[in-house]
């Protein structure tokens, strides 16, 4: 192959691109963290519970629909968002001092 543009990327190049995506994911988590901080403040002022199962269920259902529309297996989107929700809920519990 004389044309370098037609060669397939090697594994290290693919991994570099994955690393770049992972950095963007972290940036989005930072943004989400700030928003969760706003939610914590809102809930503190109103003495609201941390966990809102109905809201979580709605979020998970919505993300599955979005994922399917984008060609992503909805199970992946569900599991990732579930992990994100659980991680941030843990932080909320630490800040607010109660789970329900």
PDB file of N, CA and C in Angstrom:
ATOM      1  N   UNK A   1       0.830  -1.184   0.000  1.00  0.00           N
ATOM      2  CA  UNK A   1       0.000   0.000   0.000  1.00  0.00           C
ATOM      3  C   UNK A   1       0.876   1.251   0.000  1.00  0.00           C
ATOM      4  N   UNK A   2       0.943   1.892  -1.093  1.00  0.00           N
ATOM      5  CA  UNK A   2       1.738   3.111  -1.190  1.00  0.00           C
ATOM      6  C   UNK A   2       1.028   4.293  -0.563  1.00  0.00           C
ATOM      7  N   UNK A   3      -0.283   4.278  -0.567  1.00  0.00           N
ATOM      8  CA  UNK A   3      -1.084   5.380  -0.028  1.00  0.00           C
ATOM      9  C   UNK A   3      -1.262   5.187   1.476  1.00  0.00           C
ATOM     10  N   UNK A   4      -0.641   6.059   2.276  1.00  0.00           N
ATOM     11  CA  UNK A   4      -0.723   5.958   3.733  1.00  0.00           C
ATOM     12  C   UNK A   4      -2.104   6.226   4.274  1.00  0.00           C
ATOM     13  N   UNK A   5      -2.936   6.944   3.521  1.00  0.00           N
ATOM     14  CA  UNK A   5      -4.275   7.291   3.990  1.00  0.00           C
ATOM     15  C   UNK A   5      -5.193   6.074   4.023  1.00  0.00           C
ATOM     16  N   UNK A   6      -4.891   5.047   3.272  1.00  0.00           N
ATOM     17  CA  UNK A   6      -5.787   3.899   3.200  1.00  0.00           C
ATOM     18  C   UNK A   6      -5.449   2.815   4.222  1.00  0.00           C
ATOM     19  N   UNK A   7      -4.391   2.998   4.979  1.00  0.00           N
ATOM     20  CA  UNK A   7      -4.029   1.971   5.960  1.00  0.00           C
ATOM     21  C   UNK A   7      -4.951   2.045   7.175  1.00  0.00           C
ATOM     22  N   UNK A   8      -5.201   0.924   7.773  1.00  0.00           N
ATOM     23  CA  UNK A   8      -6.043   0.858   8.974  1.00  0.00           C
ATOM     24  C   UNK A   8      -5.238   1.357  10.169  1.00  0.00           C
ATOM     25  N   UNK A   9      -5.882   2.038  11.108  1.00  0.00           N
ATOM     26  CA  UNK A   9      -5.155   2.497  12.294  1.00  0.00           C
ATOM     27  C   UNK A   9      -4.703   1.308  13.133  1.00  0.00           C
ATOM     28  N   UNK A  10      -3.568   1.472  13.800  1.00  0.00           N
ATOM     29  CA  UNK A  10      -3.123   0.386  14.667  1.00  0.00           C
ATOM     30  C   UNK A  10      -3.799   0.527  16.035  1.00  0.00           C
ATOM     31  N   UNK A  11      -3.612  -0.452  16.854  1.00  0.00           N
ATOM     32  CA  UNK A  11      -4.287  -0.512  18.148  1.00  0.00           C
ATOM     33  C   UNK A  11      -3.965   0.693  19.021  1.00  0.00           C
ATOM     34  N   UNK A  12      -2.732   1.154  18.998  1.00  0.00           N
ATOM     35  CA  UNK A  12      -2.363   2.298  19.841  1.00  0.00           C
ATOM     36  C   UNK A  12      -3.098   3.565  19.397  1.00  0.00           C
ATOM     37  N   UNK A  13      -3.307   3.731  18.099  1.00  0.00           N
ATOM     38  CA  UNK A  13      -4.059   4.889  17.608  1.00  0.00           C
ATOM     39  C   UNK A  13      -5.521   4.818  18.048  1.00  0.00           C
ATOM     40  N   UNK A  14      -6.092   3.645  17.968  1.00  0.00           N
ATOM     41  CA  UNK A  14      -7.481   3.465  18.408  1.00  0.00           C
ATOM     42  C   UNK A  14      -7.587   3.749  19.906  1.00  0.00           C
ATOM     43  N   UNK A  15      -6.626   3.266  20.668  1.00  0.00           N
ATOM     44  CA  UNK A  15      -6.639   3.505  22.119  1.00  0.00           C
ATOM     45  C   UNK A  15      -6.479   4.984  22.446  1.00  0.00           C
ATOM     46  N   UNK A  16      -5.679   5.697  21.672  1.00  0.00           N
ATOM     47  CA  UNK A  16      -5.541   7.145  21.877  1.00  0.00           C
ATOM     48  C   UNK A  16      -6.887   7.843  21.667  1.00  0.00           C
ATOM     49  N   UNK A  17      -7.630   7.410  20.666  1.00  0.00           N
ATOM     50  CA  UNK A  17      -8.948   7.994  20.418  1.00  0.00           C
ATOM     51  C   UNK A  17      -9.910   7.650  21.550  1.00  0.00           C
ATOM     52  N   UNK A  18      -9.820   6.431  22.056  1.00  0.00           N
ATOM     53  CA  UNK A  18     -10.653   6.040  23.214  1.00  0.00           C
ATOM     54  C   UNK A  18     -10.299   6.910  24.413  1.00  0.00           C
ATOM     55  N   UNK A  19      -9.006   7.138  24.635  1.00  0.00           N
ATOM     56  CA  UNK A  19      -8.576   8.002  25.748  1.00  0.00           C
ATOM     57  C   UNK A  19      -9.154   9.410  25.605  1.00  0.00           C
ATOM     58  N   UNK A  20      -9.200   9.921  24.388  1.00  0.00           N
ATOM     59  CA  UNK A  20      -9.768  11.254  24.154  1.00  0.00           C
ATOM     60  C   UNK A  20     -11.255  11.271  24.481  1.00  0.00           C
ATOM     61  N   UNK A  21     -11.962  10.219  24.113  1.00  0.00           N
ATOM     62  CA  UNK A  21     -13.384  10.116  24.449  1.00  0.00           C
ATOM     63  C   UNK A  21     -13.550  10.037  25.964  1.00  0.00           C
ATOM     64  N   UNK A  22     -12.707   9.267  26.620  1.00  0.00           N
ATOM     65  CA  UNK A  22     -12.785   9.151  28.084  1.00  0.00           C
ATOM     66  C   UNK A  22     -12.557  10.504  28.761  1.00  0.00           C
ATOM     67  N   UNK A  23     -11.648  11.320  28.216  1.00  0.00           N
ATOM     68  CA  UNK A  23     -11.438  12.659  28.774  1.00  0.00           C
ATOM     69  C   UNK A  23     -12.700  13.509  28.615  1.00  0.00           C
ATOM     70  N   UNK A  24     -13.370  13.375  27.478  1.00  0.00           N
ATOM     71  CA  UNK A  24     -14.623  14.116  27.281  1.00  0.00           C
ATOM     72  C   UNK A  24     -15.691  13.631  28.255  1.00  0.00           C
ATOM     73  N   UNK A  25     -15.718  12.330  28.523  1.00  0.00           N
ATOM     74  CA  UNK A  25     -16.668  11.794  29.500  1.00  0.00           C
ATOM     75  C   UNK A  25     -16.409  12.411  30.873  1.00  0.00           C
ATOM     76  N   UNK A  26     -15.147  12.516  31.260  1.00  0.00           N
ATOM     77  CA  UNK A  26     -14.805  13.129  32.546  1.00  0.00           C
ATOM     78  C   UNK A  26     -15.263  14.582  32.571  1.00  0.00           C
ATOM     79  N   UNK A  27     -15.052  15.297  31.477  1.00  0.00           N
ATOM     80  CA  UNK A  27     -15.516  16.694  31.416  1.00  0.00           C
ATOM     81  C   UNK A  27     -17.028  16.779  31.613  1.00  0.00           C
ATOM     82  N   UNK A  28     -17.756  15.852  31.021  1.00  0.00           N
ATOM     83  CA  UNK A  28     -19.212  15.833  31.196  1.00  0.00           C
ATOM     84  C   UNK A  28     -19.591  15.492  32.633  1.00  0.00           C
ATOM     85  N   UNK A  29     -18.825  14.617  33.255  1.00  0.00           N
ATOM     86  CA  UNK A  29     -19.092  14.283  34.660  1.00  0.00           C
ATOM     87  C   UNK A  29     -18.823  15.481  35.567  1.00  0.00           C
ATOM     88  N   UNK A  30     -17.815  16.272  35.242  1.00  0.00           N
ATOM     89  CA  UNK A  30     -17.541  17.501  35.996  1.00  0.00           C
ATOM     90  C   UNK A  30     -18.735  18.441  35.870  1.00  0.00           C
ATOM     91  N   UNK A  31     -19.248  18.586  34.659  1.00  0.00           N
ATOM     92  CA  UNK A  31     -20.423  19.432  34.431  1.00  0.00           C
ATOM     93  C   UNK A  31     -21.630  18.899  35.205  1.00  0.00           C
ATOM     94  N   UNK A  32     -21.814  17.584  35.159  1.00  0.00           N
ATOM     95  CA  UNK A  32     -22.937  16.971  35.881  1.00  0.00           C
ATOM     96  C   UNK A  32     -22.775  17.165  37.387  1.00  0.00           C
ATOM     97  N   UNK A  33     -21.553  17.070  37.864  1.00  0.00           N
ATOM     98  CA  UNK A  33     -21.285  17.246  39.287  1.00  0.00           C
ATOM     99  C   UNK A  33     -21.711  18.631  39.762  1.00  0.00           C
ATOM    100  N   UNK A  34     -21.435  19.636  38.962  1.00  0.00           N
ATOM    101  CA  UNK A  34     -21.842  20.996  39.320  1.00  0.00           C
ATOM    102  C   UNK A  34     -23.362  21.093  39.393  1.00  0.00           C
ATOM    103  N   UNK A  35     -24.035  20.460  38.464  1.00  0.00           N
ATOM    104  CA  UNK A  35     -25.498  20.478  38.471  1.00  0.00           C
ATOM    105  C   UNK A  35     -26.053  19.714  39.670  1.00  0.00           C
ATOM    106  N   UNK A  36     -25.420  18.608  40.003  1.00  0.00           N
ATOM    107  CA  UNK A  36     -25.840  17.850  41.180  1.00  0.00           C
ATOM    108  C   UNK A  36     -25.655  18.707  42.433  1.00  0.00           C
ATOM    109  N   UNK A  37     -24.594  19.499  42.457  1.00  0.00           N
ATOM    110  CA  UNK A  37     -24.395  20.421  43.573  1.00  0.00           C
ATOM    111  C   UNK A  37     -25.563  21.382  43.713  1.00  0.00           C
ATOM    112  N   UNK A  38     -26.081  21.859  42.593  1.00  0.00           N
ATOM    113  CA  UNK A  38     -27.258  22.721  42.628  1.00  0.00           C
ATOM    114  C   UNK A  38     -28.479  21.978  43.166  1.00  0.00           C
ATOM    115  N   UNK A  39     -28.613  20.715  42.762  1.00  0.00           N
ATOM    116  CA  UNK A  39     -29.722  19.890  43.255  1.00  0.00           C
ATOM    117  C   UNK A  39     -29.595  19.696  44.766  1.00  0.00           C
ATOM    118  N   UNK A  40     -28.376  19.424  45.238  1.00  0.00           N
ATOM    119  CA  UNK A  40     -28.156  19.238  46.680  1.00  0.00           C
ATOM    120  C   UNK A  40     -28.582  20.495  47.435  1.00  0.00           C
ATOM    121  N   UNK A  41     -28.185  21.643  46.936  1.00  0.00           N
ATOM    122  CA  UNK A  41     -28.575  22.894  47.592  1.00  0.00           C
ATOM    123  C   UNK A  41     -30.102  23.050  47.604  1.00  0.00           C
ATOM    124  N   UNK A  42     -30.725  22.788  46.485  1.00  0.00           N
ATOM    125  CA  UNK A  42     -32.186  22.882  46.379  1.00  0.00           C
ATOM    126  C   UNK A  42     -32.849  21.962  47.405  1.00  0.00           C
ATOM    127  N   UNK A  43     -32.371  20.722  47.472  1.00  0.00           N
ATOM    128  CA  UNK A  43     -32.956  19.750  48.398  1.00  0.00           C
ATOM    129  C   UNK A  43     -32.687  20.126  49.853  1.00  0.00           C
ATOM    130  N   UNK A  44     -31.521  20.689  50.148  1.00  0.00           N
ATOM    131  CA  UNK A  44     -31.207  21.121  51.510  1.00  0.00           C
ATOM    132  C   UNK A  44     -32.167  22.203  51.968  1.00  0.00           C
ATOM    133  N   UNK A  45     -32.384  23.184  51.117  1.00  0.00           N
ATOM    134  CA  UNK A  45     -33.253  24.309  51.463  1.00  0.00           C
ATOM    135  C   UNK A  45     -34.682  23.828  51.719  1.00  0.00           C
ATOM    136  N   UNK A  46     -35.105  22.837  50.978  1.00  0.00           N
ATOM    137  CA  UNK A  46     -36.478  22.355  51.064  1.00  0.00           C
ATOM    138  C   UNK A  46     -36.612  21.061  51.878  1.00  0.00           C
ATOM    139  N   UNK A  47     -35.527  20.632  52.505  1.00  0.00           N
ATOM    140  CA  UNK A  47     -35.471  19.375  53.261  1.00  0.00           C
ATOM    141  C   UNK A  47     -36.140  18.226  52.512  1.00  0.00           C
ATOM    142  N   UNK A  48     -35.676  18.041  51.299  1.00  0.00           N
ATOM    143  CA  UNK A  48     -36.197  16.977  50.444  1.00  0.00           C
ATOM    144  C   UNK A  48     -35.303  15.739  50.553  1.00  0.00           C
ATOM    145  N   UNK A  49     -35.860  14.561  50.292  1.00  0.00           N
ATOM    146  CA  UNK A  49     -35.044  13.344  50.301  1.00  0.00           C
ATOM    147  C   UNK A  49     -34.081  13.314  49.115  1.00  0.00           C
ATOM    148  N   UNK A  50     -33.005  12.583  49.282  1.00  0.00           N
ATOM    149  CA  UNK A  50     -32.004  12.460  48.223  1.00  0.00           C
ATOM    150  C   UNK A  50     -32.558  11.661  47.052  1.00  0.00           C
ATOM    151  N   UNK A  51     -33.134  10.514  47.350  1.00  0.00           N
ATOM    152  CA  UNK A  51     -33.525   9.564  46.311  1.00  0.00           C
ATOM    153  C   UNK A  51     -34.930   9.884  45.793  1.00  0.00           C
ATOM    154  N   UNK A  52     -35.036   9.931  44.477  1.00  0.00           N
ATOM    155  CA  UNK A  52     -36.320  10.097  43.806  1.00  0.00           C
ATOM    156  C   UNK A  52     -36.394   8.995  42.752  1.00  0.00           C
ATOM    157  N   UNK A  53     -36.897   7.837  43.169  1.00  0.00           N
ATOM    158  CA  UNK A  53     -36.919   6.659  42.285  1.00  0.00           C
ATOM    159  C   UNK A  53     -37.702   6.919  40.994  1.00  0.00           C
ATOM    160  N   UNK A  54     -38.785   7.668  41.089  1.00  0.00           N
ATOM    161  CA  UNK A  54     -39.567   7.950  39.892  1.00  0.00           C
ATOM    162  C   UNK A  54     -38.718   8.723  38.878  1.00  0.00           C
ATOM    163  N   UNK A  55     -37.994   9.722  39.348  1.00  0.00           N
ATOM    164  CA  UNK A  55     -37.119  10.509  38.467  1.00  0.00           C
ATOM    165  C   UNK A  55     -36.030   9.623  37.874  1.00  0.00           C
ATOM    166  N   UNK A  56     -35.437   8.754  38.689  1.00  0.00           N
ATOM    167  CA  UNK A  56     -34.403   7.850  38.187  1.00  0.00           C
ATOM    168  C   UNK A  56     -34.956   6.947  37.098  1.00  0.00           C
ATOM    169  N   UNK A  57     -36.127   6.378  37.346  1.00  0.00           N
ATOM    170  CA  UNK A  57     -36.748   5.497  36.346  1.00  0.00           C
ATOM    171  C   UNK A  57     -37.015   6.244  35.042  1.00  0.00           C
ATOM    172  N   UNK A  58     -37.488   7.485  35.155  1.00  0.00           N
ATOM    173  CA  UNK A  58     -37.743   8.296  33.963  1.00  0.00           C
ATOM    174  C   UNK A  58     -36.447   8.568  33.211  1.00  0.00           C
ATOM    175  N   UNK A  59     -35.384   8.882  33.947  1.00  0.00           N
ATOM    176  CA  UNK A  59     -34.091   9.151  33.316  1.00  0.00           C
ATOM    177  C   UNK A  59     -33.574   7.917  32.581  1.00  0.00           C
ATOM    178  N   UNK A  60     -33.681   6.770  33.226  1.00  0.00           N
ATOM    179  CA  UNK A  60     -33.182   5.537  32.625  1.00  0.00           C
ATOM    180  C   UNK A  60     -33.984   5.156  31.383  1.00  0.00           C
ATOM    181  N   UNK A  61     -35.289   5.305  31.464  1.00  0.00           N
ATOM    182  CA  UNK A  61     -36.137   5.011  30.308  1.00  0.00           C
ATOM    183  C   UNK A  61     -35.798   5.954  29.149  1.00  0.00           C
ATOM    184  N   UNK A  62     -35.630   7.214  29.473  1.00  0.00           N
ATOM    185  CA  UNK A  62     -35.316   8.204  28.435  1.00  0.00           C
ATOM    186  C   UNK A  62     -33.961   7.914  27.791  1.00  0.00           C
ATOM    187  N   UNK A  63     -32.957   7.602  28.596  1.00  0.00           N
ATOM    188  CA  UNK A  63     -31.617   7.378  28.036  1.00  0.00           C
ATOM    189  C   UNK A  63     -31.591   6.127  27.166  1.00  0.00           C
ATOM    190  N   UNK A  64     -32.403   5.146  27.503  1.00  0.00           N
ATOM    191  CA  UNK A  64     -32.493   3.944  26.661  1.00  0.00           C
ATOM    192  C   UNK A  64     -33.067   4.297  25.293  1.00  0.00           C
ATOM    193  N   UNK A  65     -34.076   5.143  25.286  1.00  0.00           N
ATOM    194  CA  UNK A  65     -34.684   5.577  24.025  1.00  0.00           C
ATOM    195  C   UNK A  65     -33.687   6.383  23.200  1.00  0.00           C
ATOM    196  N   UNK A  66     -32.994   7.310  23.855  1.00  0.00           N
ATOM    197  CA  UNK A  66     -31.986   8.123  23.167  1.00  0.00           C
ATOM    198  C   UNK A  66     -30.897   7.225  22.588  1.00  0.00           C
ATOM    199  N   UNK A  67     -30.415   6.297  23.395  1.00  0.00           N
ATOM    200  CA  UNK A  67     -29.347   5.394  22.946  1.00  0.00           C
ATOM    201  C   UNK A  67     -29.787   4.583  21.736  1.00  0.00           C
ATOM    202  N   UNK A  68     -30.967   4.017  21.812  1.00  0.00           N
ATOM    203  CA  UNK A  68     -31.467   3.207  20.705  1.00  0.00           C
ATOM    204  C   UNK A  68     -31.569   4.047  19.430  1.00  0.00           C
ATOM    205  N   UNK A  69     -31.994   5.289  19.576  1.00  0.00           N
ATOM    206  CA  UNK A  69     -32.097   6.183  18.429  1.00  0.00           C
ATOM    207  C   UNK A  69     -30.752   6.536  17.824  1.00  0.00           C
ATOM    208  N   UNK A  70     -29.708   6.457  18.637  1.00  0.00           N
ATOM    209  CA  UNK A  70     -28.348   6.768  18.176  1.00  0.00           C
ATOM    210  C   UNK A  70     -27.584   5.519  17.724  1.00  0.00           C
ATOM    211  N   UNK A  71     -28.219   4.358  17.837  1.00  0.00           N
ATOM    212  CA  UNK A  71     -27.564   3.126  17.415  1.00  0.00           C
ATOM    213  C   UNK A  71     -26.709   2.471  18.491  1.00  0.00           C
ATOM    214  N   UNK A  72     -26.879   2.895  19.734  1.00  0.00           N
ATOM    215  CA  UNK A  72     -26.150   2.290  20.847  1.00  0.00           C
ATOM    216  C   UNK A  72     -27.054   1.291  21.545  1.00  0.00           C
ATOM    217  N   UNK A  73     -26.505   0.171  21.920  1.00  0.00           N
ATOM    218  CA  UNK A  73     -27.278  -0.812  22.677  1.00  0.00           C
ATOM    219  C   UNK A  73     -27.798  -0.143  23.944  1.00  0.00           C
ATOM    220  N   UNK A  74     -29.104  -0.125  24.107  1.00  0.00           N
ATOM    221  CA  UNK A  74     -29.709   0.590  25.230  1.00  0.00           C
ATOM    222  C   UNK A  74     -29.276   0.030  26.583  1.00  0.00           C
ATOM    223  N   UNK A  75     -28.860  -1.226  26.616  1.00  0.00           N
ATOM    224  CA  UNK A  75     -28.386  -1.809  27.880  1.00  0.00           C
ATOM    225  C   UNK A  75     -27.112  -1.121  28.351  1.00  0.00           C
ATOM    226  N   UNK A  76     -26.251  -0.755  27.413  1.00  0.00           N
ATOM    227  CA  UNK A  76     -25.008  -0.060  27.774  1.00  0.00           C
ATOM    228  C   UNK A  76     -25.347   1.289  28.375  1.00  0.00           C
ATOM    229  N   UNK A  77     -26.203   2.039  27.701  1.00  0.00           N
ATOM    230  CA  UNK A  77     -26.591   3.361  28.197  1.00  0.00           C
ATOM    231  C   UNK A  77     -27.246   3.245  29.567  1.00  0.00           C
ATOM    232  N   UNK A  78     -28.107   2.254  29.746  1.00  0.00           N
ATOM    233  CA  UNK A  78     -28.788   2.045  31.031  1.00  0.00           C
ATOM    234  C   UNK A  78     -27.772   1.780  32.134  1.00  0.00           C
ATOM    235  N   UNK A  79     -26.848   0.869  31.892  1.00  0.00           N
ATOM    236  CA  UNK A  79     -25.863   0.516  32.920  1.00  0.00           C
ATOM    237  C   UNK A  79     -24.962   1.687  33.267  1.00  0.00           C
ATOM    238  N   UNK A  80     -24.542   2.439  32.264  1.00  0.00           N
ATOM    239  CA  UNK A  80     -23.657   3.576  32.518  1.00  0.00           C
ATOM    240  C   UNK A  80     -24.396   4.645  33.317  1.00  0.00           C
ATOM    241  N   UNK A  81     -25.612   4.994  32.890  1.00  0.00           N
ATOM    242  CA  UNK A  81     -26.361   6.014  33.615  1.00  0.00           C
ATOM    243  C   UNK A  81     -26.714   5.534  35.025  1.00  0.00           C
ATOM    244  N   UNK A  82     -27.026   4.263  35.184  1.00  0.00           N
ATOM    245  CA  UNK A  82     -27.316   3.723  36.519  1.00  0.00           C
ATOM    246  C   UNK A  82     -26.102   3.902  37.420  1.00  0.00           C
ATOM    247  N   UNK A  83     -24.914   3.614  36.899  1.00  0.00           N
ATOM    248  CA  UNK A  83     -23.687   3.781  37.686  1.00  0.00           C
ATOM    249  C   UNK A  83     -23.453   5.245  38.030  1.00  0.00           C
ATOM    250  N   UNK A  84     -23.709   6.137  37.077  1.00  0.00           N
ATOM    251  CA  UNK A  84     -23.537   7.574  37.316  1.00  0.00           C
ATOM    252  C   UNK A  84     -24.523   8.042  38.390  1.00  0.00           C
ATOM    253  N   UNK A  85     -25.782   7.642  38.249  1.00  0.00           N
ATOM    254  CA  UNK A  85     -26.789   8.026  39.246  1.00  0.00           C
ATOM    255  C   UNK A  85     -26.378   7.529  40.628  1.00  0.00           C
ATOM    256  N   UNK A  86     -25.978   6.277  40.719  1.00  0.00           N
ATOM    257  CA  UNK A  86     -25.596   5.701  42.016  1.00  0.00           C
ATOM    258  C   UNK A  86     -24.402   6.429  42.622  1.00  0.00           C
ATOM    259  N   UNK A  87     -23.421   6.762  41.806  1.00  0.00           N
ATOM    260  CA  UNK A  87     -22.222   7.448  42.309  1.00  0.00           C
ATOM    261  C   UNK A  87     -22.570   8.834  42.835  1.00  0.00           C
ATOM    262  N   UNK A  88     -23.373   9.567  42.090  1.00  0.00           N
ATOM    263  CA  UNK A  88     -23.735  10.908  42.540  1.00  0.00           C
ATOM    264  C   UNK A  88     -24.718  10.869  43.712  1.00  0.00           C
ATOM    265  N   UNK A  89     -25.566   9.852  43.765  1.00  0.00           N
ATOM    266  CA  UNK A  89     -26.462   9.703  44.914  1.00  0.00           C
ATOM    267  C   UNK A  89     -25.653   9.483  46.184  1.00  0.00           C
ATOM    268  N   UNK A  90     -24.591   8.707  46.086  1.00  0.00           N
ATOM    269  CA  UNK A  90     -23.710   8.491  47.232  1.00  0.00           C
ATOM    270  C   UNK A  90     -23.146   9.820  47.721  1.00  0.00           C
ATOM    271  N   UNK A  91     -22.713  10.660  46.797  1.00  0.00           N
ATOM    272  CA  UNK A  91     -22.192  11.967  47.185  1.00  0.00           C
ATOM    273  C   UNK A  91     -23.284  12.833  47.815  1.00  0.00           C
ATOM    274  N   UNK A  92     -24.497  12.765  47.264  1.00  0.00           N
ATOM    275  CA  UNK A  92     -25.610  13.520  47.837  1.00  0.00           C
ATOM    276  C   UNK A  92     -25.904  13.055  49.265  1.00  0.00           C
ATOM    277  N   UNK A  93     -25.900  11.755  49.470  1.00  0.00           N
ATOM    278  CA  UNK A  93     -26.162  11.208  50.814  1.00  0.00           C
ATOM    279  C   UNK A  93     -25.095  11.710  51.779  1.00  0.00           C
ATOM    280  N   UNK A  94     -23.847  11.723  51.338  1.00  0.00           N
ATOM    281  CA  UNK A  94     -22.770  12.220  52.199  1.00  0.00           C
ATOM    282  C   UNK A  94     -22.992  13.685  52.565  1.00  0.00           C
ATOM    283  N   UNK A  95     -23.488  14.468  51.609  1.00  0.00           N
ATOM    284  CA  UNK A  95     -23.675  15.890  51.856  1.00  0.00           C
ATOM    285  C   UNK A  95     -24.964  16.184  52.641  1.00  0.00           C
ATOM    286  N   UNK A  96     -26.011  15.440  52.342  1.00  0.00           N
ATOM    287  CA  UNK A  96     -27.305  15.706  52.978  1.00  0.00           C
ATOM    288  C   UNK A  96     -27.531  14.876  54.240  1.00  0.00           C
ATOM    289  N   UNK A  97     -26.815  13.757  54.342  1.00  0.00           N
ATOM    290  CA  UNK A  97     -26.878  12.975  55.559  1.00  0.00           C
ATOM    291  C   UNK A  97     -28.009  11.963  55.659  1.00  0.00           C
ATOM    292  N   UNK A  98     -28.748  11.747  54.561  1.00  0.00           N
ATOM    293  CA  UNK A  98     -29.811  10.735  54.600  1.00  0.00           C
ATOM    294  C   UNK A  98     -30.122  10.298  53.182  1.00  0.00           C
ATOM    295  N   UNK A  99     -30.675   9.091  53.047  1.00  0.00           N
ATOM    296  CA  UNK A  99     -30.951   8.549  51.721  1.00  0.00           C
ATOM    297  C   UNK A  99     -32.416   8.643  51.340  1.00  0.00           C
ATOM    298  N   UNK A 100     -33.302   8.583  52.230  1.00  0.00           N
ATOM    299  CA  UNK A 100     -34.731   8.594  51.878  1.00  0.00           C
ATOM    300  C   UNK A 100     -35.443   9.668  52.656  1.00  0.00           C
TER     301      UNK A 100
END
